[in-house]
């Protein structure tokens, strides 16, 4: 799972010795991967709940909420990137 502190210190959360900046594409791809992972977990929990194999129904609610938060973060980052691009394109050189 990607935490907000990882957005500034790097995707893996470990600082490299060369302190290279993290590219936006790396961050965005990790957010997409996070959404896909949380969706897979949510879908698995939903299947287990539907088939009666899930002992704790709250696990599905938690997985669904994590998916919702991951999706919301992805959309917010995308929107901010588009806003920044629009602002840059309006600048005169």
PDB file of N, CA and C in Angstrom:
ATOM      1  N   UNK A   1       0.842  -1.172   0.000  1.00  0.00           N
ATOM      2  CA  UNK A   1       0.000   0.000   0.000  1.00  0.00           C
ATOM      3  C   UNK A   1       0.887   1.236   0.000  1.00  0.00           C
ATOM      4  N   UNK A   2       0.455   2.257  -0.703  1.00  0.00           N
ATOM      5  CA  UNK A   2       1.212   3.495  -0.800  1.00  0.00           C
ATOM      6  C   UNK A   2       0.710   4.490   0.218  1.00  0.00           C
ATOM      7  N   UNK A   3       1.613   5.015   1.025  1.00  0.00           N
ATOM      8  CA  UNK A   3       1.262   5.998   2.041  1.00  0.00           C
ATOM      9  C   UNK A   3       1.664   7.373   1.556  1.00  0.00           C
ATOM     10  N   UNK A   4       0.979   8.431   2.033  1.00  0.00           N
ATOM     11  CA  UNK A   4       1.306   9.788   1.591  1.00  0.00           C
ATOM     12  C   UNK A   4       2.766  10.176   1.795  1.00  0.00           C
ATOM     13  N   UNK A   5       3.407   9.689   2.832  1.00  0.00           N
ATOM     14  CA  UNK A   5       4.811  10.026   3.056  1.00  0.00           C
ATOM     15  C   UNK A   5       5.705   9.458   1.965  1.00  0.00           C
ATOM     16  N   UNK A   6       5.262   8.402   1.300  1.00  0.00           N
ATOM     17  CA  UNK A   6       6.044   7.808   0.236  1.00  0.00           C
ATOM     18  C   UNK A   6       5.998   8.642  -1.035  1.00  0.00           C
ATOM     19  N   UNK A   7       5.017   9.515  -1.163  1.00  0.00           N
ATOM     20  CA  UNK A   7       4.930  10.348  -2.349  1.00  0.00           C
ATOM     21  C   UNK A   7       6.085  11.341  -2.408  1.00  0.00           C
ATOM     22  N   UNK A   8       6.595  11.744  -1.264  1.00  0.00           N
ATOM     23  CA  UNK A   8       7.695  12.700  -1.247  1.00  0.00           C
ATOM     24  C   UNK A   8       9.049  12.036  -1.092  1.00  0.00           C
ATOM     25  N   UNK A   9       9.107  10.879  -0.458  1.00  0.00           N
ATOM     26  CA  UNK A   9      10.405  10.251  -0.220  1.00  0.00           C
ATOM     27  C   UNK A   9      10.713   9.137  -1.203  1.00  0.00           C
ATOM     28  N   UNK A  10       9.828   8.864  -2.134  1.00  0.00           N
ATOM     29  CA  UNK A  10      10.062   7.810  -3.104  1.00  0.00           C
ATOM     30  C   UNK A  10       9.004   6.748  -2.982  1.00  0.00           C
ATOM     31  N   UNK A  11       8.800   6.010  -4.056  1.00  0.00           N
ATOM     32  CA  UNK A  11       7.728   5.031  -4.107  1.00  0.00           C
ATOM     33  C   UNK A  11       7.952   3.893  -3.133  1.00  0.00           C
ATOM     34  N   UNK A  12       9.189   3.422  -3.012  1.00  0.00           N
ATOM     35  CA  UNK A  12       9.442   2.277  -2.146  1.00  0.00           C
ATOM     36  C   UNK A  12       9.541   2.662  -0.678  1.00  0.00           C
ATOM     37  N   UNK A  13       9.650   3.936  -0.406  1.00  0.00           N
ATOM     38  CA  UNK A  13       9.772   4.366   0.977  1.00  0.00           C
ATOM     39  C   UNK A  13      11.199   4.362   1.481  1.00  0.00           C
ATOM     40  N   UNK A  14      12.125   3.841   0.673  1.00  0.00           N
ATOM     41  CA  UNK A  14      13.527   3.818   1.059  1.00  0.00           C
ATOM     42  C   UNK A  14      14.245   4.922   0.292  1.00  0.00           C
ATOM     43  N   UNK A  15      15.083   5.659   0.989  1.00  0.00           N
ATOM     44  CA  UNK A  15      15.829   6.722   0.329  1.00  0.00           C
ATOM     45  C   UNK A  15      17.086   6.132  -0.285  1.00  0.00           C
ATOM     46  N   UNK A  16      17.328   6.485  -1.537  1.00  0.00           N
ATOM     47  CA  UNK A  16      18.535   6.015  -2.186  1.00  0.00           C
ATOM     48  C   UNK A  16      19.692   6.929  -1.811  1.00  0.00           C
ATOM     49  N   UNK A  17      20.895   6.430  -1.982  1.00  0.00           N
ATOM     50  CA  UNK A  17      22.057   7.222  -1.604  1.00  0.00           C
ATOM     51  C   UNK A  17      22.262   8.401  -2.546  1.00  0.00           C
ATOM     52  N   UNK A  18      21.786   8.299  -3.781  1.00  0.00           N
ATOM     53  CA  UNK A  18      21.981   9.390  -4.734  1.00  0.00           C
ATOM     54  C   UNK A  18      20.865  10.424  -4.656  1.00  0.00           C
ATOM     55  N   UNK A  19      19.797  10.161  -3.907  1.00  0.00           N
ATOM     56  CA  UNK A  19      18.686  11.094  -3.704  1.00  0.00           C
ATOM     57  C   UNK A  19      18.109  11.598  -5.021  1.00  0.00           C
ATOM     58  N   UNK A  20      17.875  10.695  -5.966  1.00  0.00           N
ATOM     59  CA  UNK A  20      17.275  11.091  -7.231  1.00  0.00           C
ATOM     60  C   UNK A  20      15.801  11.379  -7.017  1.00  0.00           C
ATOM     61  N   UNK A  21      15.285  12.414  -7.684  1.00  0.00           N
ATOM     62  CA  UNK A  21      13.860  12.711  -7.529  1.00  0.00           C
ATOM     63  C   UNK A  21      13.012  11.614  -8.164  1.00  0.00           C
ATOM     64  N   UNK A  22      11.873  11.385  -7.577  1.00  0.00           N
ATOM     65  CA  UNK A  22      10.960  10.383  -8.105  1.00  0.00           C
ATOM     66  C   UNK A  22      10.193  10.993  -9.262  1.00  0.00           C
ATOM     67  N   UNK A  23      10.122  10.291 -10.355  1.00  0.00           N
ATOM     68  CA  UNK A  23       9.401  10.775 -11.527  1.00  0.00           C
ATOM     69  C   UNK A  23       7.903  10.636 -11.285  1.00  0.00           C
ATOM     70  N   UNK A  24       7.146  11.556 -11.866  1.00  0.00           N
ATOM     71  CA  UNK A  24       5.699  11.522 -11.715  1.00  0.00           C
ATOM     72  C   UNK A  24       5.131  10.219 -12.261  1.00  0.00           C
ATOM     73  N   UNK A  25       5.684   9.743 -13.365  1.00  0.00           N
ATOM     74  CA  UNK A  25       5.168   8.511 -13.957  1.00  0.00           C
ATOM     75  C   UNK A  25       5.330   7.328 -13.004  1.00  0.00           C
ATOM     76  N   UNK A  26       6.427   7.297 -12.241  1.00  0.00           N
ATOM     77  CA  UNK A  26       6.628   6.226 -11.263  1.00  0.00           C
ATOM     78  C   UNK A  26       5.571   6.283 -10.166  1.00  0.00           C
ATOM     79  N   UNK A  27       5.310   7.498  -9.686  1.00  0.00           N
ATOM     80  CA  UNK A  27       4.299   7.664  -8.640  1.00  0.00           C
ATOM     81  C   UNK A  27       2.930   7.284  -9.170  1.00  0.00           C
ATOM     82  N   UNK A  28       2.607   7.767 -10.367  1.00  0.00           N
ATOM     83  CA  UNK A  28       1.285   7.495 -10.938  1.00  0.00           C
ATOM     84  C   UNK A  28       1.107   6.002 -11.207  1.00  0.00           C
ATOM     85  N   UNK A  29       2.144   5.352 -11.725  1.00  0.00           N
ATOM     86  CA  UNK A  29       2.061   3.908 -11.966  1.00  0.00           C
ATOM     87  C   UNK A  29       1.902   3.129 -10.665  1.00  0.00           C
ATOM     88  N   UNK A  30       2.575   3.567  -9.604  1.00  0.00           N
ATOM     89  CA  UNK A  30       2.415   2.874  -8.325  1.00  0.00           C
ATOM     90  C   UNK A  30       1.004   3.074  -7.773  1.00  0.00           C
ATOM     91  N   UNK A  31       0.419   4.250  -8.016  1.00  0.00           N
ATOM     92  CA  UNK A  31      -0.968   4.475  -7.597  1.00  0.00           C
ATOM     93  C   UNK A  31      -1.925   3.574  -8.369  1.00  0.00           C
ATOM     94  N   UNK A  32      -1.687   3.421  -9.663  1.00  0.00           N
ATOM     95  CA  UNK A  32      -2.526   2.531 -10.472  1.00  0.00           C
ATOM     96  C   UNK A  32      -2.388   1.094  -9.985  1.00  0.00           C
ATOM     97  N   UNK A  33      -1.149   0.666  -9.710  1.00  0.00           N
ATOM     98  CA  UNK A  33      -0.929  -0.684  -9.182  1.00  0.00           C
ATOM     99  C   UNK A  33      -1.641  -0.875  -7.847  1.00  0.00           C
ATOM    100  N   UNK A  34      -1.610   0.152  -7.008  1.00  0.00           N
ATOM    101  CA  UNK A  34      -2.267   0.084  -5.708  1.00  0.00           C
ATOM    102  C   UNK A  34      -3.776  -0.068  -5.875  1.00  0.00           C
ATOM    103  N   UNK A  35      -4.358   0.663  -6.820  1.00  0.00           N
ATOM    104  CA  UNK A  35      -5.800   0.545  -7.075  1.00  0.00           C
ATOM    105  C   UNK A  35      -6.126  -0.865  -7.562  1.00  0.00           C
ATOM    106  N   UNK A  36      -5.302  -1.396  -8.452  1.00  0.00           N
ATOM    107  CA  UNK A  36      -5.544  -2.748  -8.957  1.00  0.00           C
ATOM    108  C   UNK A  36      -5.427  -3.793  -7.854  1.00  0.00           C
ATOM    109  N   UNK A  37      -4.437  -3.635  -6.976  1.00  0.00           N
ATOM    110  CA  UNK A  37      -4.257  -4.582  -5.873  1.00  0.00           C
ATOM    111  C   UNK A  37      -5.426  -4.526  -4.894  1.00  0.00           C
ATOM    112  N   UNK A  38      -5.835  -3.316  -4.537  1.00  0.00           N
ATOM    113  CA  UNK A  38      -6.945  -3.192  -3.588  1.00  0.00           C
ATOM    114  C   UNK A  38      -8.248  -3.670  -4.204  1.00  0.00           C
ATOM    115  N   UNK A  39      -8.407  -3.501  -5.519  1.00  0.00           N
ATOM    116  CA  UNK A  39      -9.603  -4.011  -6.189  1.00  0.00           C
ATOM    117  C   UNK A  39      -9.615  -5.534  -6.175  1.00  0.00           C
ATOM    118  N   UNK A  40      -8.454  -6.144  -6.386  1.00  0.00           N
ATOM    119  CA  UNK A  40      -8.376  -7.603  -6.363  1.00  0.00           C
ATOM    120  C   UNK A  40      -8.714  -8.144  -4.974  1.00  0.00           C
ATOM    121  N   UNK A  41      -8.204  -7.489  -3.931  1.00  0.00           N
ATOM    122  CA  UNK A  41      -8.502  -7.912  -2.557  1.00  0.00           C
ATOM    123  C   UNK A  41      -9.986  -7.745  -2.268  1.00  0.00           C
ATOM    124  N   UNK A  42     -10.550  -6.619  -2.689  1.00  0.00           N
ATOM    125  CA  UNK A  42     -11.976  -6.356  -2.468  1.00  0.00           C
ATOM    126  C   UNK A  42     -12.836  -7.399  -3.183  1.00  0.00           C
ATOM    127  N   UNK A  43     -12.469  -7.719  -4.414  1.00  0.00           N
ATOM    128  CA  UNK A  43     -13.223  -8.706  -5.181  1.00  0.00           C
ATOM    129  C   UNK A  43     -13.139 -10.084  -4.537  1.00  0.00           C
ATOM    130  N   UNK A  44     -11.950 -10.446  -4.055  1.00  0.00           N
ATOM    131  CA  UNK A  44     -11.782 -11.734  -3.375  1.00  0.00           C
ATOM    132  C   UNK A  44     -12.635 -11.801  -2.109  1.00  0.00           C
ATOM    133  N   UNK A  45     -12.593 -10.732  -1.312  1.00  0.00           N
ATOM    134  CA  UNK A  45     -13.395 -10.697  -0.075  1.00  0.00           C
ATOM    135  C   UNK A  45     -14.884 -10.740  -0.400  1.00  0.00           C
ATOM    136  N   UNK A  46     -15.278 -10.069  -1.472  1.00  0.00           N
ATOM    137  CA  UNK A  46     -16.684 -10.069  -1.871  1.00  0.00           C
ATOM    138  C   UNK A  46     -17.125 -11.480  -2.274  1.00  0.00           C
ATOM    139  N   UNK A  47     -16.270 -12.194  -2.999  1.00  0.00           N
ATOM    140  CA  UNK A  47     -16.580 -13.565  -3.388  1.00  0.00           C
ATOM    141  C   UNK A  47     -16.691 -14.461  -2.158  1.00  0.00           C
ATOM    142  N   UNK A  48     -15.728 -14.331  -1.248  1.00  0.00           N
ATOM    143  CA  UNK A  48     -15.756 -15.147  -0.032  1.00  0.00           C
ATOM    144  C   UNK A  48     -16.990 -14.843   0.811  1.00  0.00           C
ATOM    145  N   UNK A  49     -17.391 -13.579   0.854  1.00  0.00           N
ATOM    146  CA  UNK A  49     -18.585 -13.199   1.599  1.00  0.00           C
ATOM    147  C   UNK A  49     -19.833 -13.790   0.951  1.00  0.00           C
ATOM    148  N   UNK A  50     -19.893 -13.735  -0.375  1.00  0.00           N
ATOM    149  CA  UNK A  50     -21.064 -14.244  -1.091  1.00  0.00           C
ATOM    150  C   UNK A  50     -21.196 -15.756  -0.977  1.00  0.00           C
ATOM    151  N   UNK A  51     -20.069 -16.454  -0.881  1.00  0.00           N
ATOM    152  CA  UNK A  51     -20.110 -17.908  -0.785  1.00  0.00           C
ATOM    153  C   UNK A  51     -20.137 -18.408   0.653  1.00  0.00           C
ATOM    154  N   UNK A  52     -20.112 -17.494   1.607  1.00  0.00           N
ATOM    155  CA  UNK A  52     -20.189 -17.875   3.011  1.00  0.00           C
ATOM    156  C   UNK A  52     -18.887 -18.360   3.601  1.00  0.00           C
ATOM    157  N   UNK A  53     -17.784 -18.107   2.935  1.00  0.00           N
ATOM    158  CA  UNK A  53     -16.485 -18.564   3.408  1.00  0.00           C
ATOM    159  C   UNK A  53     -15.745 -17.518   4.234  1.00  0.00           C
ATOM    160  N   UNK A  54     -16.292 -16.310   4.309  1.00  0.00           N
ATOM    161  CA  UNK A  54     -15.641 -15.228   5.044  1.00  0.00           C
ATOM    162  C   UNK A  54     -16.144 -15.223   6.476  1.00  0.00           C
ATOM    163  N   UNK A  55     -15.223 -15.427   7.425  1.00  0.00           N
ATOM    164  CA  UNK A  55     -15.604 -15.495   8.837  1.00  0.00           C
ATOM    165  C   UNK A  55     -15.985 -14.130   9.403  1.00  0.00           C
ATOM    166  N   UNK A  56     -15.305 -13.094   8.963  1.00  0.00           N
ATOM    167  CA  UNK A  56     -15.541 -11.752   9.492  1.00  0.00           C
ATOM    168  C   UNK A  56     -16.027 -10.843   8.361  1.00  0.00           C
ATOM    169  N   UNK A  57     -17.323 -10.543   8.299  1.00  0.00           N
ATOM    170  CA  UNK A  57     -17.848  -9.703   7.214  1.00  0.00           C
ATOM    171  C   UNK A  57     -17.263  -8.293   7.194  1.00  0.00           C
ATOM    172  N   UNK A  58     -16.708  -7.848   8.303  1.00  0.00           N
ATOM    173  CA  UNK A  58     -16.101  -6.517   8.337  1.00  0.00           C
ATOM    174  C   UNK A  58     -14.871  -6.440   7.436  1.00  0.00           C
ATOM    175  N   UNK A  59     -14.254  -7.579   7.154  1.00  0.00           N
ATOM    176  CA  UNK A  59     -13.088  -7.590   6.276  1.00  0.00           C
ATOM    177  C   UNK A  59     -13.450  -7.080   4.889  1.00  0.00           C
ATOM    178  N   UNK A  60     -14.654  -7.424   4.409  1.00  0.00           N
ATOM    179  CA  UNK A  60     -15.083  -6.933   3.104  1.00  0.00           C
ATOM    180  C   UNK A  60     -15.287  -5.423   3.143  1.00  0.00           C
ATOM    181  N   UNK A  61     -15.883  -4.922   4.208  1.00  0.00           N
ATOM    182  CA  UNK A  61     -16.098  -3.477   4.331  1.00  0.00           C
ATOM    183  C   UNK A  61     -14.771  -2.726   4.356  1.00  0.00           C
ATOM    184  N   UNK A  62     -13.808  -3.271   5.068  1.00  0.00           N
ATOM    185  CA  UNK A  62     -12.491  -2.638   5.143  1.00  0.00           C
ATOM    186  C   UNK A  62     -11.818  -2.651   3.772  1.00  0.00           C
ATOM    187  N   UNK A  63     -11.894  -3.782   3.078  1.00  0.00           N
ATOM    188  CA  UNK A  63     -11.292  -3.880   1.747  1.00  0.00           C
ATOM    189  C   UNK A  63     -11.971  -2.925   0.768  1.00  0.00           C
ATOM    190  N   UNK A  64     -13.289  -2.800   0.865  1.00  0.00           N
ATOM    191  CA  UNK A  64     -14.016  -1.881  -0.014  1.00  0.00           C
ATOM    192  C   UNK A  64     -13.632  -0.437   0.278  1.00  0.00           C
ATOM    193  N   UNK A  65     -13.451  -0.101   1.545  1.00  0.00           N
ATOM    194  CA  UNK A  65     -13.059   1.260   1.913  1.00  0.00           C
ATOM    195  C   UNK A  65     -11.640   1.564   1.435  1.00  0.00           C
ATOM    196  N   UNK A  66     -10.728   0.599   1.571  1.00  0.00           N
ATOM    197  CA  UNK A  66      -9.362   0.798   1.088  1.00  0.00           C
ATOM    198  C   UNK A  66      -9.355   1.031  -0.421  1.00  0.00           C
ATOM    199  N   UNK A  67     -10.194   0.290  -1.141  1.00  0.00           N
ATOM    200  CA  UNK A  67     -10.301   0.481  -2.588  1.00  0.00           C
ATOM    201  C   UNK A  67     -10.830   1.875  -2.905  1.00  0.00           C
ATOM    202  N   UNK A  68     -11.822   2.313  -2.161  1.00  0.00           N
ATOM    203  CA  UNK A  68     -12.404   3.636  -2.373  1.00  0.00           C
ATOM    204  C   UNK A  68     -11.361   4.735  -2.129  1.00  0.00           C
ATOM    205  N   UNK A  69     -10.588   4.597  -1.073  1.00  0.00           N
ATOM    206  CA  UNK A  69      -9.558   5.589  -0.753  1.00  0.00           C
ATOM    207  C   UNK A  69      -8.460   5.587  -1.821  1.00  0.00           C
ATOM    208  N   UNK A  70      -8.039   4.407  -2.261  1.00  0.00           N
ATOM    209  CA  UNK A  70      -6.996   4.318  -3.284  1.00  0.00           C
ATOM    210  C   UNK A  70      -7.466   4.947  -4.592  1.00  0.00           C
ATOM    211  N   UNK A  71      -8.708   4.689  -4.959  1.00  0.00           N
ATOM    212  CA  UNK A  71      -9.263   5.268  -6.178  1.00  0.00           C
ATOM    213  C   UNK A  71      -9.376   6.781  -6.057  1.00  0.00           C
ATOM    214  N   UNK A  72      -9.819   7.239  -4.916  1.00  0.00           N
ATOM    215  CA  UNK A  72      -9.944   8.679  -4.690  1.00  0.00           C
ATOM    216  C   UNK A  72      -8.585   9.371  -4.777  1.00  0.00           C
ATOM    217  N   UNK A  73      -7.558   8.771  -4.195  1.00  0.00           N
ATOM    218  CA  UNK A  73      -6.215   9.339  -4.254  1.00  0.00           C
ATOM    219  C   UNK A  73      -5.717   9.397  -5.693  1.00  0.00           C
ATOM    220  N   UNK A  74      -5.948   8.341  -6.457  1.00  0.00           N
ATOM    221  CA  UNK A  74      -5.532   8.311  -7.855  1.00  0.00           C
ATOM    222  C   UNK A  74      -6.206   9.426  -8.647  1.00  0.00           C
ATOM    223  N   UNK A  75      -7.497   9.607  -8.452  1.00  0.00           N
ATOM    224  CA  UNK A  75      -8.243  10.646  -9.166  1.00  0.00           C
ATOM    225  C   UNK A  75      -7.750  12.032  -8.762  1.00  0.00           C
ATOM    226  N   UNK A  76      -7.478  12.228  -7.480  1.00  0.00           N
ATOM    227  CA  UNK A  76      -6.989  13.529  -7.020  1.00  0.00           C
ATOM    228  C   UNK A  76      -5.617  13.855  -7.610  1.00  0.00           C
ATOM    229  N   UNK A  77      -4.735  12.876  -7.657  1.00  0.00           N
ATOM    230  CA  UNK A  77      -3.411  13.103  -8.232  1.00  0.00           C
ATOM    231  C   UNK A  77      -3.539  13.403  -9.718  1.00  0.00           C
ATOM    232  N   UNK A  78      -4.397  12.677 -10.411  1.00  0.00           N
ATOM    233  CA  UNK A  78      -4.614  12.936 -11.831  1.00  0.00           C
ATOM    234  C   UNK A  78      -5.145  14.346 -12.058  1.00  0.00           C
ATOM    235  N   UNK A  79      -6.134  14.745 -11.268  1.00  0.00           N
ATOM    236  CA  UNK A  79      -6.717  16.077 -11.413  1.00  0.00           C
ATOM    237  C   UNK A  79      -5.690  17.174 -11.145  1.00  0.00           C
ATOM    238  N   UNK A  80      -4.878  16.980 -10.126  1.00  0.00           N
ATOM    239  CA  UNK A  80      -3.849  17.986  -9.818  1.00  0.00           C
ATOM    240  C   UNK A  80      -2.805  18.056 -10.934  1.00  0.00           C
ATOM    241  N   UNK A  81      -2.465  16.913 -11.504  1.00  0.00           N
ATOM    242  CA  UNK A  81      -1.499  16.905 -12.605  1.00  0.00           C
ATOM    243  C   UNK A  81      -2.076  17.619 -13.822  1.00  0.00           C
ATOM    244  N   UNK A  82      -3.339  17.394 -14.115  1.00  0.00           N
ATOM    245  CA  UNK A  82      -3.970  18.084 -15.238  1.00  0.00           C
ATOM    246  C   UNK A  82      -4.059  19.580 -14.986  1.00  0.00           C
ATOM    247  N   UNK A  83      -4.355  19.970 -13.763  1.00  0.00           N
ATOM    248  CA  UNK A  83      -4.391  21.394 -13.417  1.00  0.00           C
ATOM    249  C   UNK A  83      -3.008  22.031 -13.590  1.00  0.00           C
ATOM    250  N   UNK A  84      -1.984  21.325 -13.148  1.00  0.00           N
ATOM    251  CA  UNK A  84      -0.619  21.843 -13.280  1.00  0.00           C
ATOM    252  C   UNK A  84      -0.230  21.957 -14.750  1.00  0.00           C
ATOM    253  N   UNK A  85      -0.595  20.974 -15.546  1.00  0.00           N
ATOM    254  CA  UNK A  85      -0.297  21.015 -16.978  1.00  0.00           C
ATOM    255  C   UNK A  85      -1.019  22.181 -17.641  1.00  0.00           C
ATOM    256  N   UNK A  86      -2.273  22.382 -17.283  1.00  0.00           N
ATOM    257  CA  UNK A  86      -3.039  23.500 -17.841  1.00  0.00           C
ATOM    258  C   UNK A  86      -2.407  24.833 -17.464  1.00  0.00           C
ATOM    259  N   UNK A  87      -1.974  24.935 -16.228  1.00  0.00           N
ATOM    260  CA  UNK A  87      -1.326  26.168 -15.765  1.00  0.00           C
ATOM    261  C   UNK A  87      -0.021  26.413 -16.520  1.00  0.00           C
ATOM    262  N   UNK A  88       0.754  25.372 -16.720  1.00  0.00           N
ATOM    263  CA  UNK A  88       2.011  25.519 -17.459  1.00  0.00           C
ATOM    264  C   UNK A  88       1.767  25.889 -18.916  1.00  0.00           C
ATOM    265  N   UNK A  89       0.732  25.329 -19.512  1.00  0.00           N
ATOM    266  CA  UNK A  89       0.457  25.631 -20.920  1.00  0.00           C
ATOM    267  C   UNK A  89      -0.037  27.063 -21.104  1.00  0.00           C
ATOM    268  N   UNK A  90      -0.572  27.677 -20.070  1.00  0.00           N
ATOM    269  CA  UNK A  90      -1.037  29.063 -20.154  1.00  0.00           C
ATOM    270  C   UNK A  90       0.082  30.072 -19.920  1.00  0.00           C
ATOM    271  N   UNK A  91       1.213  29.615 -19.442  1.00  0.00           N
ATOM    272  CA  UNK A  91       2.329  30.533 -19.176  1.00  0.00           C
ATOM    273  C   UNK A  91       2.955  30.988 -20.491  1.00  0.00           C
ATOM    274  N   UNK A  92       3.316  32.246 -20.531  1.00  0.00           N
ATOM    275  CA  UNK A  92       4.019  32.745 -21.712  1.00  0.00           C
ATOM    276  C   UNK A  92       5.522  32.707 -21.444  1.00  0.00           C
ATOM    277  N   UNK A  93       6.244  32.468 -22.486  1.00  0.00           N
ATOM    278  CA  UNK A  93       7.702  32.344 -22.349  1.00  0.00           C
ATOM    279  C   UNK A  93       8.361  33.644 -22.735  1.00  0.00           C
TER     280      UNK A  93
END
